[in-house]
Amino acid sequence: MMRTRPKFEAPPVVETVLSVQFSSLPGFATAHVGWFWKEYLDKLTEDSKLRWTQAIDAGRIEDQFERFGSEDVWGPPFALRAVPQSLPNRTQLIRADGERMIQIQDTRFILNWKKQSTAYPSFKPLLEEFRTTLHAFESFAAEAGFGALAYNQWEIVYVDQLKKGEMWESARDWSRIFPGLSMPPVQTEFVATGDETMSADWRFSLANRRGRMYIALRQTRTLPSHDEVLNVTFVARGPVTASETWEQGFELGHDALNETFLTITSAEAQTRWKKGP
């Protein structure tokens, strides 16, 4: 059971992603996504505002596997690698309000929440939505002749954004938000006094090698507003095994991400985000 954690009334999260990976479905094509969309997904709601109204083709996501010991591979945590063009692409189904997106390829099922006009719904309702839509996809896969999905990986992603002018003006202010993060105090005649920026990547093994957690911090600009933001991505993922289901993995990942977020952020920042009991 997931632990009870303090909730924030105004968290900085702008996107949450819940994803499962499974063994490839031979012969899976974009047409299958259309079949699932119209015969299964559309039947989950009668509210026109919550209907899925748009489909977009996107580049394929490479399969990910967390490995340990001698099989471990070091490298950038979010590196994109080329995949054979012969493999099926990913299809994005977007809800009418723009707040939800389901992404499907022959090895993945993904639910995205994207911040629009309403507040973050919290993890538990999103998990229930994910469970409902995934079960619908499982039923579709059985009817389409693909059989039961063989899950092999789970993943949770949170994306936080902090606008410039809200607690920070330069990278030297980021320690107000993340006390353990600071730029080196470089002051010489060869270095301009104006601060530039920095980036950071962290990788942590979860207890008993049940997965990993990644944190990536970047200064960037949002589109189309071009607002300068501090973008922080939190990822937890791990294997689905005979002894651990994807739901148990989600519980582990959610607890790990929440505990880490509370640990690495300052009391000042948590107050600004209206931390509750």
C-alpha atoms as a PDB file:
ATOM      1  CA  MET A   1       0.000   0.000   0.000  1.00  0.00           C
ATOM      2  CA  MET A   2       1.251   3.470  -0.898  1.00  0.00           C
ATOM      3  CA  ARG A   3       2.387   5.590   2.026  1.00  0.00           C
ATOM      4  CA  THR A   4       0.509   8.714   3.026  1.00  0.00           C
ATOM      5  CA  ARG A   5       2.526  11.736   1.936  1.00  0.00           C
ATOM      6  CA  PRO A   6       2.018  15.472   2.441  1.00  0.00           C
ATOM      7  CA  LYS A   7       0.171  17.032  -0.490  1.00  0.00           C
ATOM      8  CA  PHE A   8       0.852  20.362  -2.167  1.00  0.00           C
ATOM      9  CA  GLU A   9      -1.936  22.724  -3.174  1.00  0.00           C
ATOM     10  CA  ALA A  10       0.244  24.414  -5.807  1.00  0.00           C
ATOM     11  CA  PRO A  11       2.944  21.928  -6.833  1.00  0.00           C
ATOM     12  CA  PRO A  12       5.351  22.876  -9.660  1.00  0.00           C
ATOM     13  CA  VAL A  13       4.509  19.739 -11.668  1.00  0.00           C
ATOM     14  CA  VAL A  14       3.478  20.342 -15.304  1.00  0.00           C
ATOM     15  CA  GLU A  15       3.461  16.758 -16.572  1.00  0.00           C
ATOM     16  CA  THR A  16       3.126  13.258 -15.156  1.00  0.00           C
ATOM     17  CA  VAL A  17       3.696  10.075 -17.158  1.00  0.00           C
ATOM     18  CA  LEU A  18       2.717   6.514 -16.249  1.00  0.00           C
ATOM     19  CA  SER A  19       4.072   3.831 -18.542  1.00  0.00           C
ATOM     20  CA  VAL A  20       4.401   0.082 -18.898  1.00  0.00           C
ATOM     21  CA  GLN A  21       6.579  -1.776 -21.364  1.00  0.00           C
ATOM     22  CA  PHE A  22       5.853  -5.274 -22.650  1.00  0.00           C
ATOM     23  CA  SER A  23       7.173  -7.835 -25.132  1.00  0.00           C
ATOM     24  CA  SER A  24       6.619  -6.838 -28.744  1.00  0.00           C
ATOM     25  CA  LEU A  25       3.229  -7.552 -30.327  1.00  0.00           C
ATOM     26  CA  PRO A  26       4.090  -9.087 -33.740  1.00  0.00           C
ATOM     27  CA  GLY A  27       2.156  -7.491 -36.553  1.00  0.00           C
ATOM     28  CA  PHE A  28       0.937  -4.550 -34.475  1.00  0.00           C
ATOM     29  CA  ALA A  29       0.196  -1.497 -36.673  1.00  0.00           C
ATOM     30  CA  THR A  30      -1.269   1.999 -36.468  1.00  0.00           C
ATOM     31  CA  ALA A  31      -4.605   0.576 -37.625  1.00  0.00           C
ATOM     32  CA  HIS A  32      -4.775  -1.423 -34.402  1.00  0.00           C
ATOM     33  CA  VAL A  33      -4.576   1.820 -32.413  1.00  0.00           C
ATOM     34  CA  GLY A  34      -7.573   3.127 -34.356  1.00  0.00           C
ATOM     35  CA  TRP A  35      -9.464  -0.079 -33.560  1.00  0.00           C
ATOM     36  CA  PHE A  36      -8.671   0.287 -29.853  1.00  0.00           C
ATOM     37  CA  TRP A  37      -9.547   3.995 -29.922  1.00  0.00           C
ATOM     38  CA  LYS A  38     -13.013   3.646 -31.450  1.00  0.00           C
ATOM     39  CA  GLU A  39     -14.105   0.283 -30.091  1.00  0.00           C
ATOM     40  CA  TYR A  40     -12.680   0.462 -26.579  1.00  0.00           C
ATOM     41  CA  LEU A  41     -11.385   3.870 -25.494  1.00  0.00           C
ATOM     42  CA  ASP A  42     -14.376   5.882 -26.703  1.00  0.00           C
ATOM     43  CA  LYS A  43     -16.711   3.633 -24.734  1.00  0.00           C
ATOM     44  CA  LEU A  44     -15.099   4.533 -21.403  1.00  0.00           C
ATOM     45  CA  THR A  45     -16.798   7.940 -21.226  1.00  0.00           C
ATOM     46  CA  GLU A  46     -19.939   9.680 -22.470  1.00  0.00           C
ATOM     47  CA  ASP A  47     -18.691  13.183 -21.613  1.00  0.00           C
ATOM     48  CA  SER A  48     -17.796  14.967 -24.860  1.00  0.00           C
ATOM     49  CA  LYS A  49     -15.137  17.012 -23.036  1.00  0.00           C
ATOM     50  CA  LEU A  50     -13.364  13.803 -22.049  1.00  0.00           C
ATOM     51  CA  ARG A  51     -13.470  12.117 -25.452  1.00  0.00           C
ATOM     52  CA  TRP A  52     -10.302  11.356 -27.385  1.00  0.00           C
ATOM     53  CA  THR A  53     -10.417  13.585 -30.449  1.00  0.00           C
ATOM     54  CA  GLN A  54      -6.974  13.648 -32.047  1.00  0.00           C
ATOM     55  CA  ALA A  55      -4.380  11.109 -33.203  1.00  0.00           C
ATOM     56  CA  ILE A  56      -0.755  11.980 -34.032  1.00  0.00           C
ATOM     57  CA  ASP A  57       2.058   9.760 -35.289  1.00  0.00           C
ATOM     58  CA  ALA A  58       5.301  10.176 -33.320  1.00  0.00           C
ATOM     59  CA  GLY A  59       8.774   8.681 -33.310  1.00  0.00           C
ATOM     60  CA  ARG A  60       9.221   5.335 -31.666  1.00  0.00           C
ATOM     61  CA  ILE A  61      10.510   5.143 -28.070  1.00  0.00           C
ATOM     62  CA  GLU A  62      13.375   2.718 -27.639  1.00  0.00           C
ATOM     63  CA  ASP A  63      12.782  -0.072 -25.143  1.00  0.00           C
ATOM     64  CA  GLN A  64      14.434   0.529 -21.759  1.00  0.00           C
ATOM     65  CA  PHE A  65      15.745  -2.046 -19.299  1.00  0.00           C
ATOM     66  CA  GLU A  66      17.350  -1.280 -15.956  1.00  0.00           C
ATOM     67  CA  ARG A  67      20.395  -3.548 -15.576  1.00  0.00           C
ATOM     68  CA  PHE A  68      22.741  -4.032 -12.653  1.00  0.00           C
ATOM     69  CA  GLY A  69      26.176  -5.474 -11.948  1.00  0.00           C
ATOM     70  CA  SER A  70      28.184  -6.519 -14.995  1.00  0.00           C
ATOM     71  CA  GLU A  71      25.209  -5.790 -17.295  1.00  0.00           C
ATOM     72  CA  ASP A  72      24.992  -2.161 -16.192  1.00  0.00           C
ATOM     73  CA  VAL A  73      25.499   0.426 -18.945  1.00  0.00           C
ATOM     74  CA  TRP A  74      26.534   3.964 -18.019  1.00  0.00           C
ATOM     75  CA  GLY A  75      25.440   6.886 -20.111  1.00  0.00           C
ATOM     76  CA  PRO A  76      23.106   9.888 -20.305  1.00  0.00           C
ATOM     77  CA  PRO A  77      19.857   9.024 -18.481  1.00  0.00           C
ATOM     78  CA  PHE A  78      17.557  10.277 -21.241  1.00  0.00           C
ATOM     79  CA  ALA A  79      19.669   9.598 -24.330  1.00  0.00           C
ATOM     80  CA  LEU A  80      17.731   8.992 -27.535  1.00  0.00           C
ATOM     81  CA  ARG A  81      18.990   6.272 -29.830  1.00  0.00           C
ATOM     82  CA  ALA A  82      18.100   5.532 -33.416  1.00  0.00           C
ATOM     83  CA  VAL A  83      15.777   2.582 -33.948  1.00  0.00           C
ATOM     84  CA  PRO A  84      15.161   0.704 -37.210  1.00  0.00           C
ATOM     85  CA  GLN A  85      12.671   2.530 -39.425  1.00  0.00           C
ATOM     86  CA  SER A  86      10.964  -0.786 -40.150  1.00  0.00           C
ATOM     87  CA  LEU A  87       9.618  -0.963 -36.584  1.00  0.00           C
ATOM     88  CA  PRO A  88       6.136   0.474 -35.881  1.00  0.00           C
ATOM     89  CA  ASN A  89       5.943   4.061 -34.716  1.00  0.00           C
ATOM     90  CA  ARG A  90       4.179   5.419 -31.660  1.00  0.00           C
ATOM     91  CA  THR A  91       0.656   6.859 -31.870  1.00  0.00           C
ATOM     92  CA  GLN A  92      -0.517   9.637 -29.557  1.00  0.00           C
ATOM     93  CA  LEU A  93      -4.233   9.891 -28.758  1.00  0.00           C
ATOM     94  CA  ILE A  94      -5.100  13.295 -27.274  1.00  0.00           C
ATOM     95  CA  ARG A  95      -8.179  14.105 -25.213  1.00  0.00           C
ATOM     96  CA  ALA A  96     -10.417  17.054 -26.142  1.00  0.00           C
ATOM     97  CA  ASP A  97      -9.304  19.126 -23.137  1.00  0.00           C
ATOM     98  CA  GLY A  98      -5.610  18.560 -23.894  1.00  0.00           C
ATOM     99  CA  GLU A  99      -4.926  17.329 -20.348  1.00  0.00           C
ATOM    100  CA  ARG A 100      -4.571  13.659 -21.185  1.00  0.00           C
ATOM    101  CA  MET A 101      -2.659  11.786 -23.839  1.00  0.00           C
ATOM    102  CA  ILE A 102      -2.397   8.034 -24.376  1.00  0.00           C
ATOM    103  CA  GLN A 103       0.628   6.818 -26.317  1.00  0.00           C
ATOM    104  CA  ILE A 104       0.785   3.349 -27.819  1.00  0.00           C
ATOM    105  CA  GLN A 105       3.387   1.374 -29.713  1.00  0.00           C
ATOM    106  CA  ASP A 106       3.916  -2.363 -30.078  1.00  0.00           C
ATOM    107  CA  THR A 107       5.910  -2.477 -26.806  1.00  0.00           C
ATOM    108  CA  ARG A 108       4.455   0.374 -24.704  1.00  0.00           C
ATOM    109  CA  PHE A 109       1.288   1.807 -23.219  1.00  0.00           C
ATOM    110  CA  ILE A 110       1.593   5.327 -21.748  1.00  0.00           C
ATOM    111  CA  LEU A 111      -0.732   7.812 -20.044  1.00  0.00           C
ATOM    112  CA  ASN A 112       0.317  11.475 -19.841  1.00  0.00           C
ATOM    113  CA  TRP A 113      -1.235  14.220 -17.763  1.00  0.00           C
ATOM    114  CA  LYS A 114      -0.274  17.670 -19.067  1.00  0.00           C
ATOM    115  CA  LYS A 115      -1.025  20.855 -17.165  1.00  0.00           C
ATOM    116  CA  GLN A 116      -3.602  23.055 -18.852  1.00  0.00           C
ATOM    117  CA  SER A 117      -6.088  25.147 -16.862  1.00  0.00           C
ATOM    118  CA  THR A 118      -6.918  22.835 -13.965  1.00  0.00           C
ATOM    119  CA  ALA A 119      -4.837  21.731 -10.993  1.00  0.00           C
ATOM    120  CA  TYR A 120      -2.773  18.571 -10.810  1.00  0.00           C
ATOM    121  CA  PRO A 121      -5.240  15.761 -10.017  1.00  0.00           C
ATOM    122  CA  SER A 122      -2.716  13.899  -7.776  1.00  0.00           C
ATOM    123  CA  PHE A 123      -1.231  10.483  -8.365  1.00  0.00           C
ATOM    124  CA  LYS A 124      -4.035   8.228  -7.114  1.00  0.00           C
ATOM    125  CA  PRO A 125      -6.715   9.381  -9.617  1.00  0.00           C
ATOM    126  CA  LEU A 126      -4.175   9.201 -12.441  1.00  0.00           C
ATOM    127  CA  LEU A 127      -3.237   5.666 -11.429  1.00  0.00           C
ATOM    128  CA  GLU A 128      -6.911   4.665 -11.522  1.00  0.00           C
ATOM    129  CA  GLU A 129      -7.274   6.205 -15.004  1.00  0.00           C
ATOM    130  CA  PHE A 130      -4.163   4.366 -16.141  1.00  0.00           C
ATOM    131  CA  ARG A 131      -5.456   1.088 -14.730  1.00  0.00           C
ATOM    132  CA  THR A 132      -8.841   1.508 -16.466  1.00  0.00           C
ATOM    133  CA  THR A 133      -7.418   2.393 -19.884  1.00  0.00           C
ATOM    134  CA  LEU A 134      -4.709  -0.278 -19.687  1.00  0.00           C
ATOM    135  CA  HIS A 135      -7.295  -2.943 -18.852  1.00  0.00           C
ATOM    136  CA  ALA A 136      -9.253  -1.800 -21.906  1.00  0.00           C
ATOM    137  CA  PHE A 137      -6.095  -2.203 -24.002  1.00  0.00           C
ATOM    138  CA  GLU A 138      -5.550  -5.681 -22.513  1.00  0.00           C
ATOM    139  CA  SER A 139      -9.085  -6.637 -23.605  1.00  0.00           C
ATOM    140  CA  PHE A 140      -8.410  -5.217 -27.060  1.00  0.00           C
ATOM    141  CA  ALA A 141      -5.118  -7.146 -27.363  1.00  0.00           C
ATOM    142  CA  ALA A 142      -6.905 -10.390 -26.512  1.00  0.00           C
ATOM    143  CA  GLU A 143      -9.663  -9.765 -29.076  1.00  0.00           C
ATOM    144  CA  ALA A 144      -7.125  -8.740 -31.735  1.00  0.00           C
ATOM    145  CA  GLY A 145      -5.271 -12.036 -31.305  1.00  0.00           C
ATOM    146  CA  PHE A 146      -2.169 -10.721 -29.538  1.00  0.00           C
ATOM    147  CA  GLY A 147      -2.911 -12.604 -26.323  1.00  0.00           C
ATOM    148  CA  ALA A 148      -1.931 -11.472 -22.841  1.00  0.00           C
ATOM    149  CA  LEU A 149       0.585  -8.611 -22.556  1.00  0.00           C
ATOM    150  CA  ALA A 150       3.943  -9.805 -21.178  1.00  0.00           C
ATOM    151  CA  TYR A 151       5.013  -6.830 -19.044  1.00  0.00           C
ATOM    152  CA  ASN A 152       8.740  -6.326 -18.465  1.00  0.00           C
ATOM    153  CA  GLN A 153       9.193  -2.727 -17.237  1.00  0.00           C
ATOM    154  CA  TRP A 154       7.311   0.025 -15.387  1.00  0.00           C
ATOM    155  CA  GLU A 155       8.071   3.761 -15.394  1.00  0.00           C
ATOM    156  CA  ILE A 156       6.862   6.945 -13.683  1.00  0.00           C
ATOM    157  CA  VAL A 157       7.922  10.440 -14.779  1.00  0.00           C
ATOM    158  CA  TYR A 158       7.289  13.820 -13.157  1.00  0.00           C
ATOM    159  CA  VAL A 159       8.270  17.069 -14.883  1.00  0.00           C
ATOM    160  CA  ASP A 160       8.465  20.192 -12.695  1.00  0.00           C
ATOM    161  CA  GLN A 161       8.932  23.739 -13.989  1.00  0.00           C
ATOM    162  CA  LEU A 162       9.935  26.811 -11.987  1.00  0.00           C
ATOM    163  CA  LYS A 163       9.663  30.119 -13.822  1.00  0.00           C
ATOM    164  CA  LYS A 164      12.447  32.659 -13.655  1.00  0.00           C
ATOM    165  CA  GLY A 165      11.433  35.403 -11.242  1.00  0.00           C
ATOM    166  CA  GLU A 166       9.729  32.917  -8.911  1.00  0.00           C
ATOM    167  CA  MET A 167      12.406  32.145  -6.317  1.00  0.00           C
ATOM    168  CA  TRP A 168      15.286  32.457  -8.781  1.00  0.00           C
ATOM    169  CA  GLU A 169      16.898  34.976 -11.123  1.00  0.00           C
ATOM    170  CA  SER A 170      20.122  33.103 -11.906  1.00  0.00           C
ATOM    171  CA  ALA A 171      21.526  29.632 -11.402  1.00  0.00           C
ATOM    172  CA  ARG A 172      23.132  30.844  -8.162  1.00  0.00           C
ATOM    173  CA  ASP A 173      19.625  31.093  -6.682  1.00  0.00           C
ATOM    174  CA  TRP A 174      18.777  27.451  -7.314  1.00  0.00           C
ATOM    175  CA  SER A 175      20.185  26.489  -3.921  1.00  0.00           C
ATOM    176  CA  ARG A 176      17.156  28.289  -2.405  1.00  0.00           C
ATOM    177  CA  ILE A 177      15.034  25.565  -3.985  1.00  0.00           C
ATOM    178  CA  PHE A 178      17.490  22.660  -3.871  1.00  0.00           C
ATOM    179  CA  PRO A 179      19.818  23.307  -0.898  1.00  0.00           C
ATOM    180  CA  GLY A 180      22.339  20.710  -2.026  1.00  0.00           C
ATOM    181  CA  LEU A 181      22.831  22.345  -5.421  1.00  0.00           C
ATOM    182  CA  SER A 182      25.116  25.317  -5.996  1.00  0.00           C
ATOM    183  CA  MET A 183      27.441  26.779  -8.600  1.00  0.00           C
ATOM    184  CA  PRO A 184      31.148  26.944  -7.752  1.00  0.00           C
ATOM    185  CA  PRO A 185      32.212  30.404  -6.486  1.00  0.00           C
ATOM    186  CA  VAL A 186      34.354  31.296  -9.511  1.00  0.00           C
ATOM    187  CA  GLN A 187      35.597  34.899  -9.366  1.00  0.00           C
ATOM    188  CA  THR A 188      38.620  35.835 -11.462  1.00  0.00           C
ATOM    189  CA  GLU A 189      39.572  38.590 -13.862  1.00  0.00           C
ATOM    190  CA  PHE A 190      38.895  36.180 -16.751  1.00  0.00           C
ATOM    191  CA  VAL A 191      35.289  35.355 -15.793  1.00  0.00           C
ATOM    192  CA  ALA A 192      32.409  37.782 -16.301  1.00  0.00           C
ATOM    193  CA  THR A 193      30.439  38.692 -13.210  1.00  0.00           C
ATOM    194  CA  GLY A 194      27.095  37.761 -14.784  1.00  0.00           C
ATOM    195  CA  ASP A 195      26.059  34.187 -14.046  1.00  0.00           C
ATOM    196  CA  GLU A 196      25.302  31.781 -16.859  1.00  0.00           C
ATOM    197  CA  THR A 197      23.744  28.413 -16.031  1.00  0.00           C
ATOM    198  CA  MET A 198      24.407  24.835 -15.031  1.00  0.00           C
ATOM    199  CA  SER A 199      22.810  21.428 -15.430  1.00  0.00           C
ATOM    200  CA  ALA A 200      22.800  18.347 -13.263  1.00  0.00           C
ATOM    201  CA  ASP A 201      22.033  14.631 -13.582  1.00  0.00           C
ATOM    202  CA  TRP A 202      21.688  12.140 -10.745  1.00  0.00           C
ATOM    203  CA  ARG A 203      21.153   8.387 -10.833  1.00  0.00           C
ATOM    204  CA  PHE A 204      20.179   6.270  -7.828  1.00  0.00           C
ATOM    205  CA  SER A 205      19.575   2.543  -7.412  1.00  0.00           C
ATOM    206  CA  LEU A 206      16.346   1.681  -5.619  1.00  0.00           C
ATOM    207  CA  ALA A 207      16.522  -0.651  -2.625  1.00  0.00           C
ATOM    208  CA  ASN A 208      17.391  -4.278  -3.426  1.00  0.00           C
ATOM    209  CA  ARG A 209      18.011  -3.356  -7.069  1.00  0.00           C
ATOM    210  CA  ARG A 210      14.288  -3.144  -7.745  1.00  0.00           C
ATOM    211  CA  GLY A 211      14.847  -0.304 -10.182  1.00  0.00           C
ATOM    212  CA  ARG A 212      16.421   3.132 -10.526  1.00  0.00           C
ATOM    213  CA  MET A 213      15.596   6.769 -10.070  1.00  0.00           C
ATOM    214  CA  TYR A 214      16.915   9.558 -12.291  1.00  0.00           C
ATOM    215  CA  ILE A 215      16.807  13.326 -11.792  1.00  0.00           C
ATOM    216  CA  ALA A 216      17.751  15.785 -14.540  1.00  0.00           C
ATOM    217  CA  LEU A 217      17.873  19.548 -14.083  1.00  0.00           C
ATOM    218  CA  ARG A 218      18.052  21.995 -16.985  1.00  0.00           C
ATOM    219  CA  GLN A 219      17.483  25.694 -17.613  1.00  0.00           C
ATOM    220  CA  THR A 220      15.366  26.084 -20.725  1.00  0.00           C
ATOM    221  CA  ARG A 221      12.612  28.071 -22.426  1.00  0.00           C
ATOM    222  CA  THR A 222       9.028  26.968 -22.842  1.00  0.00           C
ATOM    223  CA  LEU A 223       7.101  27.175 -26.082  1.00  0.00           C
ATOM    224  CA  PRO A 224       5.271  29.132 -27.325  1.00  0.00           C
ATOM    225  CA  SER A 225       5.716  31.678 -24.491  1.00  0.00           C
ATOM    226  CA  HIS A 226       9.551  31.445 -24.390  1.00  0.00           C
ATOM    227  CA  ASP A 227       9.443  31.822 -20.615  1.00  0.00           C
ATOM    228  CA  GLU A 228      12.739  30.966 -18.965  1.00  0.00           C
ATOM    229  CA  VAL A 229      12.251  28.021 -16.592  1.00  0.00           C
ATOM    230  CA  LEU A 230      14.164  25.632 -14.407  1.00  0.00           C
ATOM    231  CA  ASN A 231      13.026  22.243 -15.723  1.00  0.00           C
ATOM    232  CA  VAL A 232      13.429  19.276 -13.375  1.00  0.00           C
ATOM    233  CA  THR A 233      12.594  15.755 -14.551  1.00  0.00           C
ATOM    234  CA  PHE A 234      12.169  12.908 -12.056  1.00  0.00           C
ATOM    235  CA  VAL A 235      12.071   9.335 -13.368  1.00  0.00           C
ATOM    236  CA  ALA A 236      11.621   6.038 -11.554  1.00  0.00           C
ATOM    237  CA  ARG A 237      11.565   2.759 -13.440  1.00  0.00           C
ATOM    238  CA  GLY A 238      12.287  -0.890 -12.913  1.00  0.00           C
ATOM    239  CA  PRO A 239      11.608  -4.433 -14.077  1.00  0.00           C
ATOM    240  CA  VAL A 240       8.370  -6.372 -13.897  1.00  0.00           C
ATOM    241  CA  THR A 241       9.234  -9.837 -12.635  1.00  0.00           C
ATOM    242  CA  ALA A 242       7.542 -12.993 -11.403  1.00  0.00           C
ATOM    243  CA  SER A 243       7.661 -11.538  -7.888  1.00  0.00           C
ATOM    244  CA  GLU A 244       6.796  -7.880  -8.655  1.00  0.00           C
ATOM    245  CA  THR A 245       3.950  -6.599 -10.815  1.00  0.00           C
ATOM    246  CA  TRP A 246       3.872  -3.247 -12.568  1.00  0.00           C
ATOM    247  CA  GLU A 247       1.438  -2.015  -9.902  1.00  0.00           C
ATOM    248  CA  GLN A 248       3.877  -2.907  -7.125  1.00  0.00           C
ATOM    249  CA  GLY A 249       6.587  -1.168  -9.138  1.00  0.00           C
ATOM    250  CA  PHE A 250       4.434   1.958  -9.384  1.00  0.00           C
ATOM    251  CA  GLU A 251       3.976   1.941  -5.604  1.00  0.00           C
ATOM    252  CA  LEU A 252       7.735   1.674  -5.098  1.00  0.00           C
ATOM    253  CA  GLY A 253       8.523   4.349  -7.683  1.00  0.00           C
ATOM    254  CA  HIS A 254       5.910   6.771  -6.400  1.00  0.00           C
ATOM    255  CA  ASP A 255       7.111   6.416  -2.803  1.00  0.00           C
ATOM    256  CA  ALA A 256      10.755   6.839  -3.850  1.00  0.00           C
ATOM    257  CA  LEU A 257      10.041   9.947  -5.928  1.00  0.00           C
ATOM    258  CA  ASN A 258       7.895  11.542  -3.232  1.00  0.00           C
ATOM    259  CA  GLU A 259      10.411  10.893  -0.467  1.00  0.00           C
ATOM    260  CA  THR A 260      13.236  12.223  -2.617  1.00  0.00           C
ATOM    261  CA  PHE A 261      11.300  15.359  -3.591  1.00  0.00           C
ATOM    262  CA  LEU A 262      10.587  16.148   0.062  1.00  0.00           C
ATOM    263  CA  THR A 263      14.220  15.519   0.997  1.00  0.00           C
ATOM    264  CA  ILE A 264      15.966  17.593  -1.673  1.00  0.00           C
ATOM    265  CA  THR A 265      13.671  20.650  -1.758  1.00  0.00           C
ATOM    266  CA  SER A 266      13.870  23.504   0.744  1.00  0.00           C
ATOM    267  CA  ALA A 267      11.304  24.420   3.392  1.00  0.00           C
ATOM    268  CA  GLU A 268      10.943  27.803   1.657  1.00  0.00           C
ATOM    269  CA  ALA A 269      10.075  26.140  -1.652  1.00  0.00           C
ATOM    270  CA  GLN A 270       7.648  23.707  -0.006  1.00  0.00           C
ATOM    271  CA  THR A 271       5.888  26.609   1.695  1.00  0.00           C
ATOM    272  CA  ARG A 272       5.561  28.395  -1.645  1.00  0.00           C
ATOM    273  CA  TRP A 273       4.006  25.260  -3.125  1.00  0.00           C
ATOM    274  CA  LYS A 274       1.551  25.183  -0.173  1.00  0.00           C
ATOM    275  CA  LYS A 275       2.611  21.969   1.455  1.00  0.00           C
ATOM    276  CA  GLY A 276      -0.212  20.421   3.451  1.00  0.00           C
ATOM    277  CA  PRO A 277      -0.207  17.999   6.406  1.00  0.00           C
END
